[in-house]
Amino acid sequence: MAIDRWAYETAWKPDFSCLRLMAAEHRALQARCTMICKRRNASWAIERASHTSSALRIEQVARGQTD
């Protein structure tokens, strides 16, 4: 029993500075991922809008509605 208690007390001592560093790295990674996702969504929206406007333009030309 004494050996188990000694093993518990000496082996499991969390290094809180390490945990803080991991949390900071996680937040930085999460922020990077969010930024990349926003960029991709924005580029997708721009691409979608350009395709839509191109499709509308082709449709207008087909109907003879040119500017």
N, C-alpha and C. Protein backbone atom coordinates (compact mmCIF):
# COMPACT_ATOMS: atom_id res chain seq x y z
N MET A 1 0.82 -1.20 0.00
CA MET A 1 0.00 0.00 0.00
C MET A 1 0.87 1.26 0.00
N ALA A 2 1.92 1.25 0.78
CA ALA A 2 2.81 2.41 0.84
C ALA A 2 3.51 2.63 -0.50
N ILE A 3 3.86 1.55 -1.19
CA ILE A 3 4.52 1.66 -2.50
C ILE A 3 3.55 2.25 -3.52
N ASP A 4 2.30 1.81 -3.47
CA ASP A 4 1.29 2.35 -4.39
C ASP A 4 1.10 3.85 -4.16
N ARG A 5 1.06 4.26 -2.92
CA ARG A 5 0.88 5.69 -2.61
C ARG A 5 2.10 6.47 -3.08
N TRP A 6 3.29 5.94 -2.86
CA TRP A 6 4.52 6.62 -3.32
C TRP A 6 4.51 6.73 -4.85
N ALA A 7 4.13 5.67 -5.55
CA ALA A 7 4.08 5.68 -7.01
C ALA A 7 3.07 6.72 -7.50
N TYR A 8 1.94 6.79 -6.84
CA TYR A 8 0.90 7.75 -7.22
C TYR A 8 1.39 9.19 -7.01
N GLU A 9 2.00 9.45 -5.86
CA GLU A 9 2.44 10.80 -5.54
C GLU A 9 3.60 11.27 -6.40
N THR A 10 4.48 10.36 -6.78
CA THR A 10 5.66 10.77 -7.55
C THR A 10 5.42 10.72 -9.05
N ALA A 11 4.59 9.80 -9.49
CA ALA A 11 4.42 9.62 -10.93
C ALA A 11 3.41 10.59 -11.51
N TRP A 12 2.35 10.91 -10.79
CA TRP A 12 1.32 11.75 -11.36
C TRP A 12 1.33 13.13 -10.74
N LYS A 13 2.13 13.98 -11.35
CA LYS A 13 2.13 15.39 -10.98
C LYS A 13 2.01 16.17 -12.27
N PRO A 14 0.83 16.66 -12.58
CA PRO A 14 0.65 17.34 -13.86
C PRO A 14 1.53 18.58 -13.96
N ASP A 15 2.09 18.77 -15.12
CA ASP A 15 2.90 19.94 -15.40
C ASP A 15 1.97 20.99 -16.00
N PHE A 16 1.53 21.92 -15.16
CA PHE A 16 0.54 22.88 -15.62
C PHE A 16 1.08 23.84 -16.67
N SER A 17 2.38 24.11 -16.65
CA SER A 17 2.94 24.98 -17.69
C SER A 17 2.84 24.29 -19.04
N CYS A 18 3.02 22.98 -19.07
CA CYS A 18 2.87 22.22 -20.29
C CYS A 18 1.42 22.26 -20.76
N LEU A 19 0.49 22.12 -19.82
CA LEU A 19 -0.92 22.15 -20.18
C LEU A 19 -1.32 23.52 -20.72
N ARG A 20 -0.77 24.60 -20.13
CA ARG A 20 -1.07 25.95 -20.62
C ARG A 20 -0.53 26.14 -22.02
N LEU A 21 0.68 25.62 -22.27
CA LEU A 21 1.28 25.72 -23.60
C LEU A 21 0.43 24.96 -24.61
N MET A 22 -0.02 23.77 -24.24
CA MET A 22 -0.85 22.98 -25.15
C MET A 22 -2.16 23.72 -25.44
N ALA A 23 -2.74 24.35 -24.43
CA ALA A 23 -3.99 25.10 -24.63
C ALA A 23 -3.75 26.29 -25.56
N ALA A 24 -2.63 26.98 -25.39
CA ALA A 24 -2.32 28.11 -26.26
C ALA A 24 -2.10 27.65 -27.69
N GLU A 25 -1.41 26.53 -27.86
CA GLU A 25 -1.19 25.99 -29.20
C GLU A 25 -2.52 25.58 -29.83
N HIS A 26 -3.40 25.01 -29.02
CA HIS A 26 -4.71 24.59 -29.51
C HIS A 26 -5.51 25.81 -29.98
N ARG A 27 -5.49 26.89 -29.19
CA ARG A 27 -6.21 28.10 -29.57
C ARG A 27 -5.64 28.70 -30.85
N ALA A 28 -4.31 28.68 -30.98
CA ALA A 28 -3.68 29.21 -32.18
C ALA A 28 -4.05 28.37 -33.39
N LEU A 29 -4.03 27.06 -33.23
CA LEU A 29 -4.40 26.17 -34.33
C LEU A 29 -5.87 26.35 -34.70
N GLN A 30 -6.71 26.49 -33.69
CA GLN A 30 -8.14 26.69 -33.94
C GLN A 30 -8.37 28.01 -34.69
N ALA A 31 -7.65 29.05 -34.29
CA ALA A 31 -7.79 30.35 -34.96
C ALA A 31 -7.33 30.25 -36.41
N ARG A 32 -6.23 29.54 -36.64
CA ARG A 32 -5.74 29.36 -38.02
C ARG A 32 -6.76 28.61 -38.86
N CYS A 33 -7.32 27.55 -38.31
CA CYS A 33 -8.32 26.75 -39.03
C CYS A 33 -9.55 27.59 -39.33
N THR A 34 -9.98 28.40 -38.38
CA THR A 34 -11.14 29.26 -38.59
C THR A 34 -10.87 30.24 -39.71
N MET A 35 -9.66 30.83 -39.71
CA MET A 35 -9.31 31.79 -40.75
C MET A 35 -9.30 31.12 -42.13
N ILE A 36 -8.73 29.92 -42.20
CA ILE A 36 -8.68 29.18 -43.47
C ILE A 36 -10.10 28.87 -43.94
N CYS A 37 -10.96 28.43 -43.02
CA CYS A 37 -12.34 28.11 -43.38
C CYS A 37 -13.06 29.35 -43.88
N LYS A 38 -12.86 30.48 -43.22
CA LYS A 38 -13.51 31.72 -43.65
C LYS A 38 -13.03 32.10 -45.04
N ARG A 39 -11.72 31.98 -45.28
CA ARG A 39 -11.18 32.29 -46.60
C ARG A 39 -11.78 31.38 -47.66
N ARG A 40 -11.83 30.09 -47.35
CA ARG A 40 -12.39 29.14 -48.33
C ARG A 40 -13.85 29.42 -48.59
N ASN A 41 -14.60 29.73 -47.54
CA ASN A 41 -16.02 30.03 -47.73
C ASN A 41 -16.19 31.32 -48.53
N ALA A 42 -15.35 32.31 -48.26
CA ALA A 42 -15.44 33.56 -48.99
C ALA A 42 -15.09 33.34 -50.46
N SER A 43 -14.02 32.57 -50.71
CA SER A 43 -13.65 32.32 -52.10
C SER A 43 -14.71 31.48 -52.79
N TRP A 44 -15.31 30.56 -52.04
CA TRP A 44 -16.40 29.76 -52.62
C TRP A 44 -17.57 30.67 -52.96
N ALA A 45 -17.91 31.60 -52.08
CA ALA A 45 -19.04 32.50 -52.32
C ALA A 45 -18.76 33.39 -53.53
N ILE A 46 -17.53 33.89 -53.64
CA ILE A 46 -17.15 34.73 -54.78
C ILE A 46 -17.23 33.92 -56.07
N GLU A 47 -16.68 32.71 -56.01
CA GLU A 47 -16.71 31.83 -57.18
C GLU A 47 -18.15 31.51 -57.57
N ARG A 48 -18.96 31.23 -56.60
CA ARG A 48 -20.37 30.91 -56.85
C ARG A 48 -21.08 32.12 -57.47
N ALA A 49 -20.81 33.29 -56.92
CA ALA A 49 -21.43 34.51 -57.44
C ALA A 49 -20.98 34.77 -58.88
N SER A 50 -19.71 34.54 -59.17
CA SER A 50 -19.23 34.78 -60.53
C SER A 50 -19.85 33.77 -61.49
N HIS A 51 -20.00 32.52 -61.05
CA HIS A 51 -20.65 31.53 -61.91
C HIS A 51 -22.11 31.90 -62.13
N THR A 52 -22.75 32.36 -61.05
CA THR A 52 -24.16 32.75 -61.16
C THR A 52 -24.31 33.93 -62.10
N SER A 53 -23.44 34.95 -61.93
CA SER A 53 -23.55 36.12 -62.80
C SER A 53 -23.22 35.76 -64.24
N SER A 54 -22.27 34.84 -64.43
CA SER A 54 -21.96 34.37 -65.79
C SER A 54 -23.16 33.66 -66.39
N ALA A 55 -23.80 32.83 -65.58
CA ALA A 55 -24.97 32.09 -66.07
C ALA A 55 -26.09 33.06 -66.40
N LEU A 56 -26.28 34.08 -65.55
CA LEU A 56 -27.33 35.08 -65.83
C LEU A 56 -27.00 35.86 -67.09
N ARG A 57 -25.73 36.19 -67.26
CA ARG A 57 -25.29 36.94 -68.44
C ARG A 57 -25.53 36.13 -69.72
N ILE A 58 -25.20 34.86 -69.67
CA ILE A 58 -25.42 33.98 -70.84
C ILE A 58 -26.92 33.91 -71.14
N GLU A 59 -27.72 33.81 -70.09
CA GLU A 59 -29.16 33.74 -70.26
C GLU A 59 -29.70 35.04 -70.88
N GLN A 60 -29.18 36.19 -70.40
CA GLN A 60 -29.61 37.48 -70.95
C GLN A 60 -29.24 37.60 -72.42
N VAL A 61 -28.04 37.19 -72.77
CA VAL A 61 -27.59 37.26 -74.16
C VAL A 61 -28.46 36.34 -75.02
N ALA A 62 -28.78 35.18 -74.49
CA ALA A 62 -29.61 34.23 -75.23
C ALA A 62 -31.00 34.81 -75.50
N ARG A 63 -31.48 35.63 -74.57
CA ARG A 63 -32.79 36.25 -74.74
C ARG A 63 -32.71 37.56 -75.53
N GLY A 64 -31.48 37.99 -75.80
CA GLY A 64 -31.32 39.25 -76.54
C GLY A 64 -31.36 40.47 -75.65
N GLN A 65 -31.19 40.29 -74.35
CA GLN A 65 -31.22 41.43 -73.42
C GLN A 65 -29.79 41.88 -73.13
N THR A 66 -29.15 42.54 -74.06
CA THR A 66 -27.77 42.99 -73.86
C THR A 66 -27.77 44.44 -73.42
N ASP A 67 -26.74 44.81 -72.72
CA ASP A 67 -26.61 46.19 -72.23
C ASP A 67 -26.08 47.07 -73.33
